[in-house]
C-alpha cells in the first residue's frame, strides 16, 4: 500500500504495528485487528511471507490466499485507508526503520517478538515502542481460537467446535433424505487405481468394507477404516483379518444401527483421528454407511474420505471448510435426540 497520512485524530496512538501469519482469518484475528484500529490513527500490518513460513517449518497456506483474506476484511471494515501491509521475512519488518511507529500490538503468544523488536530499537538508538497486549480469543471449548486448530478440523473460524455441533446427539435419517444421500457427494472414480495418486494414506478415512479391502489389496493402509463386515448389506467377511488386516490389528467395536449416526460413533471417529495411530479400525455392529458424514465433519482440512458408490465406483471427498459446512446442513435435516 502507499504511504500513510498520519494524524492523531483523537486516538491514543498515531501509528501502531502488529504482525502475524493470518492463516484462515478467524474471529481472533478480526478482534485483534479491530482492537488495533480502535487505538491508532494508522496501523502497519505485518504478514509473514512464504519464505519466512518455510524457515519456521510451519504448515500454513500460501501468502496469496492469506493476504487476500486480510485485505478483504480491511476493506469490509473500512480500515484499508488507515492501514499499510508489510511483508515479513523476519520478526522486525518496518518496526526498526519507520520512525512514525509509536506502539506495537501483540497477544500473549507474540510478546516475545515485541521484546526482540524493542531490544533491537535500543541498539539502534530508537525509543522503545509501547506494547499493547490483546487477550487471546477463546473458542467455545475455552481453548484459544487458532489457525492450526481450524486446519486440524477441530473448530471453525468463529471458534465453534465441530464435535460440539454433532457429538452430543444421535441422528436418525429421515425418509425424505434417502434419495439425496444416495448420490455421490464428491468426485467419482472407477477404482482404487484411478484415485490412489490423489490420496496420502496417513490422511485417508475409508468408509466401507469393499473400499477398505481394495485399499489394503493395493498395499495402502488408510489412516482410519470404518467397516461393518458387509457388502451391500450382506455379511461377506467374518472378521477384519478377512479384509486384509493383520490378525493382531487392534480395533474398536461400535453399535450403530442402520440409518443412524450414534454419538458414540462420532466420538470414536474423533478419538481415532486424534490418537495419530496409522491403520486404526472401527468395526460397526449395524451399518457404517452414514459414517461418511461425521468423518468429514470431524477430519482435518485436506484429508480425504473415500467410500463406495454401488455399481459406479468410489467417491472421494476432500475435507474443506465448505464440505464440513455442507454436511452440517445435511445433519440439521436429520431427526436427533
C-alpha atoms as a PDB file:
ATOM      1  CA  UNK A   1       0.000   0.000   0.000  1.00  0.00           C
ATOM      2  CA  UNK A   2       1.034   3.651  -0.338  1.00  0.00           C
ATOM      3  CA  UNK A   3       2.318   5.989   2.334  1.00  0.00           C
ATOM      4  CA  UNK A   4       0.011   6.576   5.280  1.00  0.00           C
ATOM      5  CA  UNK A   5      -1.129  10.067   6.158  1.00  0.00           C
ATOM      6  CA  UNK A   6      -0.595  10.255   9.884  1.00  0.00           C
ATOM      7  CA  UNK A   7      -2.745  12.319  12.204  1.00  0.00           C
ATOM      8  CA  UNK A   8      -3.669  11.653  15.819  1.00  0.00           C
ATOM      9  CA  UNK A   9      -7.410  12.196  15.225  1.00  0.00           C
ATOM     10  CA  UNK A  10      -8.040  11.674  18.931  1.00  0.00           C
ATOM     11  CA  UNK A  11      -6.526   8.168  19.012  1.00  0.00           C
ATOM     12  CA  UNK A  12      -4.133   7.182  21.821  1.00  0.00           C
ATOM     13  CA  UNK A  13      -1.525   6.199  19.224  1.00  0.00           C
ATOM     14  CA  UNK A  14      -0.543   7.751  15.949  1.00  0.00           C
ATOM     15  CA  UNK A  15       0.827   4.615  14.290  1.00  0.00           C
ATOM     16  CA  UNK A  16       0.659   1.049  15.625  1.00  0.00           C
ATOM     17  CA  UNK A  17       2.379  -2.017  14.217  1.00  0.00           C
ATOM     18  CA  UNK A  18       1.272  -5.629  14.507  1.00  0.00           C
ATOM     19  CA  UNK A  19       2.113  -8.863  12.756  1.00  0.00           C
ATOM     20  CA  UNK A  20       1.058 -12.445  12.208  1.00  0.00           C
ATOM     21  CA  UNK A  21       0.578 -15.251   9.706  1.00  0.00           C
ATOM     22  CA  UNK A  22      -3.155 -14.529   9.356  1.00  0.00           C
ATOM     23  CA  UNK A  23      -3.861 -18.024   8.108  1.00  0.00           C
ATOM     24  CA  UNK A  24      -7.577 -18.891   7.969  1.00  0.00           C
ATOM     25  CA  UNK A  25      -8.522 -15.361   9.058  1.00  0.00           C
ATOM     26  CA  UNK A  26     -10.674 -16.045  12.112  1.00  0.00           C
ATOM     27  CA  UNK A  27     -12.618 -14.386  14.902  1.00  0.00           C
ATOM     28  CA  UNK A  28      -9.483 -13.898  16.993  1.00  0.00           C
ATOM     29  CA  UNK A  29      -7.621 -12.214  14.125  1.00  0.00           C
ATOM     30  CA  UNK A  30     -10.569  -9.931  13.473  1.00  0.00           C
ATOM     31  CA  UNK A  31     -10.901  -8.931  17.132  1.00  0.00           C
ATOM     32  CA  UNK A  32      -7.152  -8.219  17.262  1.00  0.00           C
ATOM     33  CA  UNK A  33      -7.319  -6.035  14.152  1.00  0.00           C
ATOM     34  CA  UNK A  34     -10.406  -4.199  15.415  1.00  0.00           C
ATOM     35  CA  UNK A  35      -8.592  -3.525  18.701  1.00  0.00           C
ATOM     36  CA  UNK A  36      -5.562  -2.069  16.928  1.00  0.00           C
ATOM     37  CA  UNK A  37      -7.645   0.241  14.746  1.00  0.00           C
ATOM     38  CA  UNK A  38      -9.568   1.423  17.804  1.00  0.00           C
ATOM     39  CA  UNK A  39      -6.271   2.539  19.344  1.00  0.00           C
ATOM     40  CA  UNK A  40      -4.417   4.167  16.451  1.00  0.00           C
ATOM     41  CA  UNK A  41      -4.936   6.530  13.559  1.00  0.00           C
ATOM     42  CA  UNK A  42      -2.887   4.219  11.341  1.00  0.00           C
ATOM     43  CA  UNK A  43      -1.817   0.593  11.552  1.00  0.00           C
ATOM     44  CA  UNK A  44       1.023  -1.227   9.784  1.00  0.00           C
ATOM     45  CA  UNK A  45       0.131  -4.906   9.490  1.00  0.00           C
ATOM     46  CA  UNK A  46       2.972  -7.346   9.003  1.00  0.00           C
ATOM     47  CA  UNK A  47       2.116 -10.645   7.349  1.00  0.00           C
ATOM     48  CA  UNK A  48       4.667 -13.450   7.185  1.00  0.00           C
ATOM     49  CA  UNK A  49       5.936 -14.403   3.726  1.00  0.00           C
ATOM     50  CA  UNK A  50       6.109 -17.936   2.389  1.00  0.00           C
ATOM     51  CA  UNK A  51       9.907 -17.740   2.791  1.00  0.00           C
ATOM     52  CA  UNK A  52       9.591 -16.887   6.474  1.00  0.00           C
ATOM     53  CA  UNK A  53       6.985 -19.622   6.993  1.00  0.00           C
ATOM     54  CA  UNK A  54       9.244 -22.143   5.270  1.00  0.00           C
ATOM     55  CA  UNK A  55      12.171 -21.222   7.518  1.00  0.00           C
ATOM     56  CA  UNK A  56       9.995 -21.790  10.578  1.00  0.00           C
ATOM     57  CA  UNK A  57       8.720 -25.126   9.178  1.00  0.00           C
ATOM     58  CA  UNK A  58       5.101 -24.134   9.703  1.00  0.00           C
ATOM     59  CA  UNK A  59       2.158 -25.667   7.861  1.00  0.00           C
ATOM     60  CA  UNK A  60       0.484 -22.517   6.566  1.00  0.00           C
ATOM     61  CA  UNK A  61      -1.381 -21.682   3.368  1.00  0.00           C
ATOM     62  CA  UNK A  62       0.341 -19.585   0.681  1.00  0.00           C
ATOM     63  CA  UNK A  63       0.756 -15.835   1.180  1.00  0.00           C
ATOM     64  CA  UNK A  64      -1.523 -15.070  -1.779  1.00  0.00           C
ATOM     65  CA  UNK A  65      -4.543 -16.643  -0.034  1.00  0.00           C
ATOM     66  CA  UNK A  66      -3.741 -15.208   3.395  1.00  0.00           C
ATOM     67  CA  UNK A  67      -3.161 -11.707   2.036  1.00  0.00           C
ATOM     68  CA  UNK A  68      -6.390 -11.765   0.016  1.00  0.00           C
ATOM     69  CA  UNK A  69      -8.450 -12.671   3.091  1.00  0.00           C
ATOM     70  CA  UNK A  70      -6.733  -9.986   5.159  1.00  0.00           C
ATOM     71  CA  UNK A  71      -7.255  -7.280   2.541  1.00  0.00           C
ATOM     72  CA  UNK A  72     -10.892  -8.253   2.065  1.00  0.00           C
ATOM     73  CA  UNK A  73     -11.508  -7.821   5.784  1.00  0.00           C
ATOM     74  CA  UNK A  74      -9.722  -4.466   5.909  1.00  0.00           C
ATOM     75  CA  UNK A  75     -11.837  -3.190   3.014  1.00  0.00           C
ATOM     76  CA  UNK A  76     -15.063  -4.519   4.524  1.00  0.00           C
ATOM     77  CA  UNK A  77     -14.344  -2.706   7.798  1.00  0.00           C
ATOM     78  CA  UNK A  78     -13.171   0.491   6.118  1.00  0.00           C
ATOM     79  CA  UNK A  79      -9.690   0.064   7.576  1.00  0.00           C
ATOM     80  CA  UNK A  80      -7.880  -0.050   4.236  1.00  0.00           C
ATOM     81  CA  UNK A  81      -7.343   3.741   4.081  1.00  0.00           C
ATOM     82  CA  UNK A  82      -5.719   3.688   7.536  1.00  0.00           C
ATOM     83  CA  UNK A  83      -3.515   0.652   7.036  1.00  0.00           C
ATOM     84  CA  UNK A  84      -0.345  -0.456   5.338  1.00  0.00           C
ATOM     85  CA  UNK A  85       0.570  -4.093   4.701  1.00  0.00           C
ATOM     86  CA  UNK A  86       4.179  -5.106   5.304  1.00  0.00           C
ATOM     87  CA  UNK A  87       5.592  -8.421   4.084  1.00  0.00           C
ATOM     88  CA  UNK A  88       7.585 -10.024   6.882  1.00  0.00           C
ATOM     89  CA  UNK A  89      10.721 -12.020   6.144  1.00  0.00           C
ATOM     90  CA  UNK A  90      11.723 -11.665   9.817  1.00  0.00           C
ATOM     91  CA  UNK A  91      10.123 -10.590  13.104  1.00  0.00           C
ATOM     92  CA  UNK A  92      11.134  -6.934  12.694  1.00  0.00           C
ATOM     93  CA  UNK A  93       9.526  -5.745   9.480  1.00  0.00           C
ATOM     94  CA  UNK A  94       9.316  -1.930   9.464  1.00  0.00           C
ATOM     95  CA  UNK A  95       9.311  -1.599  13.271  1.00  0.00           C
ATOM     96  CA  UNK A  96      13.047  -0.809  13.369  1.00  0.00           C
ATOM     97  CA  UNK A  97      13.062   1.580  10.421  1.00  0.00           C
ATOM     98  CA  UNK A  98       9.780   3.516  10.422  1.00  0.00           C
ATOM     99  CA  UNK A  99      10.208   6.356  12.932  1.00  0.00           C
ATOM    100  CA  UNK A 100       6.489   7.193  12.874  1.00  0.00           C
ATOM    101  CA  UNK A 101       5.561   3.930  14.636  1.00  0.00           C
ATOM    102  CA  UNK A 102       4.915   4.649  18.311  1.00  0.00           C
ATOM    103  CA  UNK A 103       3.405   1.379  19.532  1.00  0.00           C
ATOM    104  CA  UNK A 104       3.080  -2.307  18.835  1.00  0.00           C
ATOM    105  CA  UNK A 105       0.063  -4.540  19.412  1.00  0.00           C
ATOM    106  CA  UNK A 106       0.659  -8.158  20.380  1.00  0.00           C
ATOM    107  CA  UNK A 107      -1.033 -11.114  22.033  1.00  0.00           C
ATOM    108  CA  UNK A 108       0.383 -13.158  24.879  1.00  0.00           C
ATOM    109  CA  UNK A 109       1.693 -15.573  22.252  1.00  0.00           C
ATOM    110  CA  UNK A 110       3.674 -12.888  20.419  1.00  0.00           C
ATOM    111  CA  UNK A 111       5.014 -10.794  23.314  1.00  0.00           C
ATOM    112  CA  UNK A 112       8.456 -12.310  22.846  1.00  0.00           C
ATOM    113  CA  UNK A 113       8.619 -10.788  19.372  1.00  0.00           C
ATOM    114  CA  UNK A 114       7.844  -7.340  20.785  1.00  0.00           C
ATOM    115  CA  UNK A 115      10.706  -7.735  23.259  1.00  0.00           C
ATOM    116  CA  UNK A 116      13.113  -8.591  20.427  1.00  0.00           C
ATOM    117  CA  UNK A 117      11.947  -5.551  18.460  1.00  0.00           C
ATOM    118  CA  UNK A 118      12.473  -3.163  21.381  1.00  0.00           C
ATOM    119  CA  UNK A 119      15.868  -4.664  22.110  1.00  0.00           C
ATOM    120  CA  UNK A 120      16.981  -4.002  18.529  1.00  0.00           C
ATOM    121  CA  UNK A 121      15.473  -0.490  18.566  1.00  0.00           C
ATOM    122  CA  UNK A 122      17.526   0.269  21.676  1.00  0.00           C
ATOM    123  CA  UNK A 123      20.702  -0.898  19.916  1.00  0.00           C
ATOM    124  CA  UNK A 124      19.838   1.398  17.009  1.00  0.00           C
ATOM    125  CA  UNK A 125      19.287   4.377  19.300  1.00  0.00           C
ATOM    126  CA  UNK A 126      15.489   4.401  18.831  1.00  0.00           C
ATOM    127  CA  UNK A 127      12.923   4.763  21.591  1.00  0.00           C
ATOM    128  CA  UNK A 128      11.200   1.582  22.739  1.00  0.00           C
ATOM    129  CA  UNK A 129       7.697   1.061  21.444  1.00  0.00           C
ATOM    130  CA  UNK A 130       4.767   0.982  23.830  1.00  0.00           C
ATOM    131  CA  UNK A 131       3.442  -2.571  23.884  1.00  0.00           C
ATOM    132  CA  UNK A 132      -0.307  -3.221  23.910  1.00  0.00           C
ATOM    133  CA  UNK A 133      -1.235  -6.791  24.844  1.00  0.00           C
ATOM    134  CA  UNK A 134      -4.502  -8.077  23.444  1.00  0.00           C
ATOM    135  CA  UNK A 135      -6.130 -11.080  25.193  1.00  0.00           C
ATOM    136  CA  UNK A 136      -6.393 -14.383  23.367  1.00  0.00           C
ATOM    137  CA  UNK A 137      -9.898 -15.001  21.998  1.00  0.00           C
ATOM    138  CA  UNK A 138     -11.266 -18.351  23.142  1.00  0.00           C
ATOM    139  CA  UNK A 139     -13.303 -20.928  21.233  1.00  0.00           C
ATOM    140  CA  UNK A 140     -16.457 -22.415  22.700  1.00  0.00           C
ATOM    141  CA  UNK A 141     -14.354 -25.110  24.418  1.00  0.00           C
ATOM    142  CA  UNK A 142     -12.381 -22.425  26.302  1.00  0.00           C
ATOM    143  CA  UNK A 143      -9.256 -23.164  24.290  1.00  0.00           C
ATOM    144  CA  UNK A 144      -7.691 -20.485  22.055  1.00  0.00           C
ATOM    145  CA  UNK A 145      -9.017 -19.953  18.553  1.00  0.00           C
ATOM    146  CA  UNK A 146      -6.094 -20.587  16.219  1.00  0.00           C
ATOM    147  CA  UNK A 147      -5.441 -21.260  12.557  1.00  0.00           C
ATOM    148  CA  UNK A 148      -3.794 -24.554  13.466  1.00  0.00           C
ATOM    149  CA  UNK A 149      -6.961 -25.756  15.225  1.00  0.00           C
ATOM    150  CA  UNK A 150      -9.015 -24.754  12.184  1.00  0.00           C
ATOM    151  CA  UNK A 151      -6.604 -26.680   9.950  1.00  0.00           C
ATOM    152  CA  UNK A 152      -6.896 -29.696  12.259  1.00  0.00           C
ATOM    153  CA  UNK A 153     -10.657 -29.617  11.752  1.00  0.00           C
ATOM    154  CA  UNK A 154     -11.385 -29.009  15.432  1.00  0.00           C
ATOM    155  CA  UNK A 155     -13.129 -25.636  15.157  1.00  0.00           C
ATOM    156  CA  UNK A 156     -14.498 -23.251  12.559  1.00  0.00           C
ATOM    157  CA  UNK A 157     -13.320 -19.667  12.090  1.00  0.00           C
ATOM    158  CA  UNK A 158     -15.794 -18.382  14.679  1.00  0.00           C
ATOM    159  CA  UNK A 159     -14.413 -20.749  17.321  1.00  0.00           C
ATOM    160  CA  UNK A 160     -17.314 -23.170  17.239  1.00  0.00           C
ATOM    161  CA  UNK A 161     -16.166 -26.759  17.778  1.00  0.00           C
ATOM    162  CA  UNK A 162     -17.209 -29.295  15.164  1.00  0.00           C
ATOM    163  CA  UNK A 163     -17.542 -32.067  17.718  1.00  0.00           C
ATOM    164  CA  UNK A 164     -19.757 -29.895  19.921  1.00  0.00           C
ATOM    165  CA  UNK A 165     -22.055 -29.454  16.910  1.00  0.00           C
ATOM    166  CA  UNK A 166     -22.594 -33.191  16.370  1.00  0.00           C
ATOM    167  CA  UNK A 167     -21.060 -35.255  19.165  1.00  0.00           C
ATOM    168  CA  UNK A 168     -23.772 -34.857  21.786  1.00  0.00           C
ATOM    169  CA  UNK A 169     -26.685 -36.225  19.733  1.00  0.00           C
ATOM    170  CA  UNK A 170     -27.851 -39.352  17.977  1.00  0.00           C
ATOM    171  CA  UNK A 171     -29.050 -38.716  14.425  1.00  0.00           C
ATOM    172  CA  UNK A 172     -31.751 -40.597  12.506  1.00  0.00           C
ATOM    173  CA  UNK A 173     -32.051 -40.481   8.724  1.00  0.00           C
ATOM    174  CA  UNK A 174     -35.490 -39.273   7.568  1.00  0.00           C
ATOM    175  CA  UNK A 175     -37.090 -40.946   4.552  1.00  0.00           C
ATOM    176  CA  UNK A 176     -37.070 -37.729   2.518  1.00  0.00           C
ATOM    177  CA  UNK A 177     -33.244 -37.600   2.606  1.00  0.00           C
ATOM    178  CA  UNK A 178     -32.536 -41.125   1.423  1.00  0.00           C
ATOM    179  CA  UNK A 179     -32.504 -40.311  -2.288  1.00  0.00           C
ATOM    180  CA  UNK A 180     -30.418 -37.162  -1.747  1.00  0.00           C
ATOM    181  CA  UNK A 181     -27.806 -39.107   0.207  1.00  0.00           C
ATOM    182  CA  UNK A 182     -27.723 -41.938  -2.330  1.00  0.00           C
ATOM    183  CA  UNK A 183     -25.980 -39.775  -4.943  1.00  0.00           C
ATOM    184  CA  UNK A 184     -22.190 -39.179  -4.822  1.00  0.00           C
ATOM    185  CA  UNK A 185     -21.153 -36.309  -2.543  1.00  0.00           C
ATOM    186  CA  UNK A 186     -17.676 -35.973  -4.002  1.00  0.00           C
ATOM    187  CA  UNK A 187     -15.597 -36.956  -7.033  1.00  0.00           C
ATOM    188  CA  UNK A 188     -16.441 -40.304  -8.604  1.00  0.00           C
ATOM    189  CA  UNK A 189     -13.630 -42.701  -9.597  1.00  0.00           C
ATOM    190  CA  UNK A 190     -13.746 -46.101 -11.271  1.00  0.00           C
ATOM    191  CA  UNK A 191     -11.483 -47.903  -8.812  1.00  0.00           C
ATOM    192  CA  UNK A 192      -8.568 -47.538  -6.394  1.00  0.00           C
ATOM    193  CA  UNK A 193      -6.023 -47.280  -9.207  1.00  0.00           C
ATOM    194  CA  UNK A 194      -7.842 -44.218 -10.564  1.00  0.00           C
ATOM    195  CA  UNK A 195      -7.655 -42.279  -7.303  1.00  0.00           C
ATOM    196  CA  UNK A 196      -4.590 -43.592  -5.447  1.00  0.00           C
ATOM    197  CA  UNK A 197      -2.406 -40.766  -6.770  1.00  0.00           C
ATOM    198  CA  UNK A 198      -4.805 -38.331  -5.056  1.00  0.00           C
ATOM    199  CA  UNK A 199      -4.507 -39.789  -1.567  1.00  0.00           C
ATOM    200  CA  UNK A 200      -1.887 -39.924   1.147  1.00  0.00           C
ATOM    201  CA  UNK A 201      -2.579 -42.970   3.373  1.00  0.00           C
ATOM    202  CA  UNK A 202      -1.940 -41.025   6.581  1.00  0.00           C
ATOM    203  CA  UNK A 203      -4.736 -38.616   5.620  1.00  0.00           C
ATOM    204  CA  UNK A 204      -7.384 -41.050   4.349  1.00  0.00           C
ATOM    205  CA  UNK A 205     -10.518 -42.337   6.039  1.00  0.00           C
ATOM    206  CA  UNK A 206     -12.019 -45.331   4.244  1.00  0.00           C
ATOM    207  CA  UNK A 207     -15.698 -45.982   4.867  1.00  0.00           C
ATOM    208  CA  UNK A 208     -16.975 -49.393   3.798  1.00  0.00           C
ATOM    209  CA  UNK A 209     -15.621 -52.922   3.590  1.00  0.00           C
ATOM    210  CA  UNK A 210     -15.112 -53.174  -0.146  1.00  0.00           C
ATOM    211  CA  UNK A 211     -13.323 -49.823  -0.187  1.00  0.00           C
ATOM    212  CA  UNK A 212     -11.088 -50.843   2.704  1.00  0.00           C
ATOM    213  CA  UNK A 213     -10.445 -54.285   1.183  1.00  0.00           C
ATOM    214  CA  UNK A 214      -9.355 -52.761  -2.137  1.00  0.00           C
ATOM    215  CA  UNK A 215      -7.073 -50.228  -0.443  1.00  0.00           C
ATOM    216  CA  UNK A 216      -5.357 -52.986   1.553  1.00  0.00           C
ATOM    217  CA  UNK A 217      -5.059 -55.188  -1.535  1.00  0.00           C
ATOM    218  CA  UNK A 218      -3.039 -52.381  -3.151  1.00  0.00           C
ATOM    219  CA  UNK A 219      -0.836 -52.101  -0.069  1.00  0.00           C
ATOM    220  CA  UNK A 220      -2.471 -48.828   1.035  1.00  0.00           C
ATOM    221  CA  UNK A 221      -3.401 -48.750   4.723  1.00  0.00           C
ATOM    222  CA  UNK A 222      -5.891 -45.937   5.428  1.00  0.00           C
ATOM    223  CA  UNK A 223      -5.349 -43.785   8.478  1.00  0.00           C
ATOM    224  CA  UNK A 224      -8.793 -44.914   9.680  1.00  0.00           C
ATOM    225  CA  UNK A 225     -11.103 -47.589   8.291  1.00  0.00           C
ATOM    226  CA  UNK A 226     -14.779 -47.853   9.240  1.00  0.00           C
ATOM    227  CA  UNK A 227     -16.304 -51.237   8.355  1.00  0.00           C
ATOM    228  CA  UNK A 228     -19.280 -53.468   9.180  1.00  0.00           C
ATOM    229  CA  UNK A 229     -18.064 -56.738   7.547  1.00  0.00           C
ATOM    230  CA  UNK A 230     -20.834 -56.429   4.941  1.00  0.00           C
ATOM    231  CA  UNK A 231     -21.076 -55.503   1.284  1.00  0.00           C
ATOM    232  CA  UNK A 232     -24.461 -54.401   0.005  1.00  0.00           C
ATOM    233  CA  UNK A 233     -25.853 -55.134   3.482  1.00  0.00           C
ATOM    234  CA  UNK A 234     -24.896 -58.804   3.180  1.00  0.00           C
ATOM    235  CA  UNK A 235     -22.402 -60.354   5.584  1.00  0.00           C
ATOM    236  CA  UNK A 236     -19.314 -61.122   3.493  1.00  0.00           C
ATOM    237  CA  UNK A 237     -16.389 -61.042   5.910  1.00  0.00           C
ATOM    238  CA  UNK A 238     -16.060 -62.970   9.161  1.00  0.00           C
ATOM    239  CA  UNK A 239     -13.611 -60.577  10.770  1.00  0.00           C
ATOM    240  CA  UNK A 240     -11.316 -57.681   9.905  1.00  0.00           C
ATOM    241  CA  UNK A 241      -8.487 -60.106   9.080  1.00  0.00           C
ATOM    242  CA  UNK A 242     -10.588 -61.162   6.063  1.00  0.00           C
ATOM    243  CA  UNK A 243     -10.329 -57.578   4.851  1.00  0.00           C
ATOM    244  CA  UNK A 244      -6.554 -57.819   4.810  1.00  0.00           C
ATOM    245  CA  UNK A 245      -5.647 -56.525   8.249  1.00  0.00           C
ATOM    246  CA  UNK A 246      -3.147 -58.308  10.469  1.00  0.00           C
ATOM    247  CA  UNK A 247      -4.614 -60.787  12.935  1.00  0.00           C
ATOM    248  CA  UNK A 248      -3.059 -58.608  15.648  1.00  0.00           C
ATOM    249  CA  UNK A 249      -4.789 -55.467  14.362  1.00  0.00           C
ATOM    250  CA  UNK A 250      -6.421 -53.548  17.196  1.00  0.00           C
ATOM    251  CA  UNK A 251      -9.918 -52.277  16.559  1.00  0.00           C
ATOM    252  CA  UNK A 252     -12.914 -50.782  18.306  1.00  0.00           C
ATOM    253  CA  UNK A 253     -16.450 -52.147  18.100  1.00  0.00           C
ATOM    254  CA  UNK A 254     -19.300 -49.619  17.981  1.00  0.00           C
ATOM    255  CA  UNK A 255     -23.031 -50.317  17.935  1.00  0.00           C
ATOM    256  CA  UNK A 256     -24.585 -48.184  15.213  1.00  0.00           C
ATOM    257  CA  UNK A 257     -27.956 -49.341  13.822  1.00  0.00           C
ATOM    258  CA  UNK A 258     -28.910 -48.808  10.170  1.00  0.00           C
ATOM    259  CA  UNK A 259     -29.927 -45.256   9.204  1.00  0.00           C
ATOM    260  CA  UNK A 260     -28.424 -43.752  12.353  1.00  0.00           C
ATOM    261  CA  UNK A 261     -25.332 -41.883  13.475  1.00  0.00           C
ATOM    262  CA  UNK A 262     -24.840 -42.650  17.146  1.00  0.00           C
ATOM    263  CA  UNK A 263     -22.979 -40.145  19.286  1.00  0.00           C
ATOM    264  CA  UNK A 264     -20.608 -42.933  20.317  1.00  0.00           C
ATOM    265  CA  UNK A 265     -19.610 -43.363  16.661  1.00  0.00           C
ATOM    266  CA  UNK A 266     -18.880 -39.626  16.317  1.00  0.00           C
ATOM    267  CA  UNK A 267     -16.792 -39.730  19.479  1.00  0.00           C
ATOM    268  CA  UNK A 268     -14.877 -42.791  18.288  1.00  0.00           C
ATOM    269  CA  UNK A 269     -14.079 -41.125  14.951  1.00  0.00           C
ATOM    270  CA  UNK A 270     -12.854 -38.001  16.760  1.00  0.00           C
ATOM    271  CA  UNK A 271     -10.669 -40.015  19.143  1.00  0.00           C
ATOM    272  CA  UNK A 272      -9.218 -42.208  16.385  1.00  0.00           C
ATOM    273  CA  UNK A 273      -8.270 -39.118  14.379  1.00  0.00           C
ATOM    274  CA  UNK A 274      -6.642 -37.551  17.434  1.00  0.00           C
ATOM    275  CA  UNK A 275      -4.646 -40.616  18.501  1.00  0.00           C
ATOM    276  CA  UNK A 276      -2.418 -40.418  15.395  1.00  0.00           C
ATOM    277  CA  UNK A 277      -2.174 -44.209  15.095  1.00  0.00           C
ATOM    278  CA  UNK A 278      -1.832 -45.318  11.485  1.00  0.00           C
ATOM    279  CA  UNK A 279      -4.247 -48.045  10.429  1.00  0.00           C
ATOM    280  CA  UNK A 280      -6.963 -47.548  13.066  1.00  0.00           C
ATOM    281  CA  UNK A 281     -10.149 -49.568  12.585  1.00  0.00           C
ATOM    282  CA  UNK A 282     -13.717 -49.086  13.785  1.00  0.00           C
ATOM    283  CA  UNK A 283     -15.948 -52.146  13.337  1.00  0.00           C
ATOM    284  CA  UNK A 284     -19.626 -51.276  13.253  1.00  0.00           C
ATOM    285  CA  UNK A 285     -22.320 -53.595  14.551  1.00  0.00           C
ATOM    286  CA  UNK A 286     -25.153 -52.374  12.370  1.00  0.00           C
ATOM    287  CA  UNK A 287     -24.300 -50.197   9.359  1.00  0.00           C
ATOM    288  CA  UNK A 288     -21.445 -47.839   8.588  1.00  0.00           C
ATOM    289  CA  UNK A 289     -22.904 -46.032   5.538  1.00  0.00           C
ATOM    290  CA  UNK A 290     -23.680 -42.743   7.280  1.00  0.00           C
ATOM    291  CA  UNK A 291     -20.247 -42.606   8.950  1.00  0.00           C
ATOM    292  CA  UNK A 292     -19.160 -40.542   5.936  1.00  0.00           C
ATOM    293  CA  UNK A 293     -20.907 -37.508   7.457  1.00  0.00           C
ATOM    294  CA  UNK A 294     -19.227 -37.382  10.907  1.00  0.00           C
ATOM    295  CA  UNK A 295     -15.918 -38.474   9.352  1.00  0.00           C
ATOM    296  CA  UNK A 296     -15.971 -35.466   7.016  1.00  0.00           C
ATOM    297  CA  UNK A 297     -17.154 -33.039   9.692  1.00  0.00           C
ATOM    298  CA  UNK A 298     -14.504 -34.132  12.207  1.00  0.00           C
ATOM    299  CA  UNK A 299     -11.474 -34.728   9.957  1.00  0.00           C
ATOM    300  CA  UNK A 300      -8.642 -32.208   9.464  1.00  0.00           C
ATOM    301  CA  UNK A 301      -8.759 -29.975   6.404  1.00  0.00           C
ATOM    302  CA  UNK A 302      -7.112 -31.585   3.400  1.00  0.00           C
ATOM    303  CA  UNK A 303      -7.876 -35.153   4.469  1.00  0.00           C
ATOM    304  CA  UNK A 304      -9.751 -37.462   2.077  1.00  0.00           C
ATOM    305  CA  UNK A 305     -12.825 -39.556   2.797  1.00  0.00           C
ATOM    306  CA  UNK A 306     -13.315 -42.473   0.395  1.00  0.00           C
ATOM    307  CA  UNK A 307     -16.442 -44.605   0.189  1.00  0.00           C
ATOM    308  CA  UNK A 308     -18.095 -46.901  -2.328  1.00  0.00           C
ATOM    309  CA  UNK A 309     -20.899 -45.891  -4.681  1.00  0.00           C
ATOM    310  CA  UNK A 310     -22.931 -49.014  -5.622  1.00  0.00           C
ATOM    311  CA  UNK A 311     -22.438 -50.073  -9.250  1.00  0.00           C
ATOM    312  CA  UNK A 312     -20.454 -46.904 -10.022  1.00  0.00           C
ATOM    313  CA  UNK A 313     -17.109 -46.940  -8.224  1.00  0.00           C
ATOM    314  CA  UNK A 314     -15.557 -44.912  -5.446  1.00  0.00           C
ATOM    315  CA  UNK A 315     -16.357 -41.445  -4.160  1.00  0.00           C
ATOM    316  CA  UNK A 316     -13.554 -39.197  -2.921  1.00  0.00           C
ATOM    317  CA  UNK A 317     -14.416 -36.285  -0.635  1.00  0.00           C
ATOM    318  CA  UNK A 318     -11.751 -33.676   0.056  1.00  0.00           C
ATOM    319  CA  UNK A 319     -12.287 -32.235   3.519  1.00  0.00           C
ATOM    320  CA  UNK A 320     -12.644 -28.466   3.297  1.00  0.00           C
ATOM    321  CA  UNK A 321     -14.449 -25.828   5.297  1.00  0.00           C
ATOM    322  CA  UNK A 322     -17.144 -25.939   2.622  1.00  0.00           C
ATOM    323  CA  UNK A 323     -17.654 -29.716   2.759  1.00  0.00           C
ATOM    324  CA  UNK A 324     -17.865 -29.572   6.551  1.00  0.00           C
ATOM    325  CA  UNK A 325     -20.491 -26.832   6.354  1.00  0.00           C
ATOM    326  CA  UNK A 326     -22.446 -28.704   3.683  1.00  0.00           C
ATOM    327  CA  UNK A 327     -22.605 -31.901   5.722  1.00  0.00           C
ATOM    328  CA  UNK A 328     -23.561 -29.993   8.870  1.00  0.00           C
ATOM    329  CA  UNK A 329     -26.500 -28.527   6.949  1.00  0.00           C
ATOM    330  CA  UNK A 330     -27.477 -32.049   5.906  1.00  0.00           C
ATOM    331  CA  UNK A 331     -27.351 -33.226   9.512  1.00  0.00           C
ATOM    332  CA  UNK A 332     -29.663 -30.385  10.546  1.00  0.00           C
ATOM    333  CA  UNK A 333     -32.322 -32.112   8.440  1.00  0.00           C
ATOM    334  CA  UNK A 334     -31.962 -35.394  10.363  1.00  0.00           C
ATOM    335  CA  UNK A 335     -34.087 -36.206  13.385  1.00  0.00           C
ATOM    336  CA  UNK A 336     -31.952 -36.066  16.521  1.00  0.00           C
ATOM    337  CA  UNK A 337     -32.091 -36.822  20.195  1.00  0.00           C
END
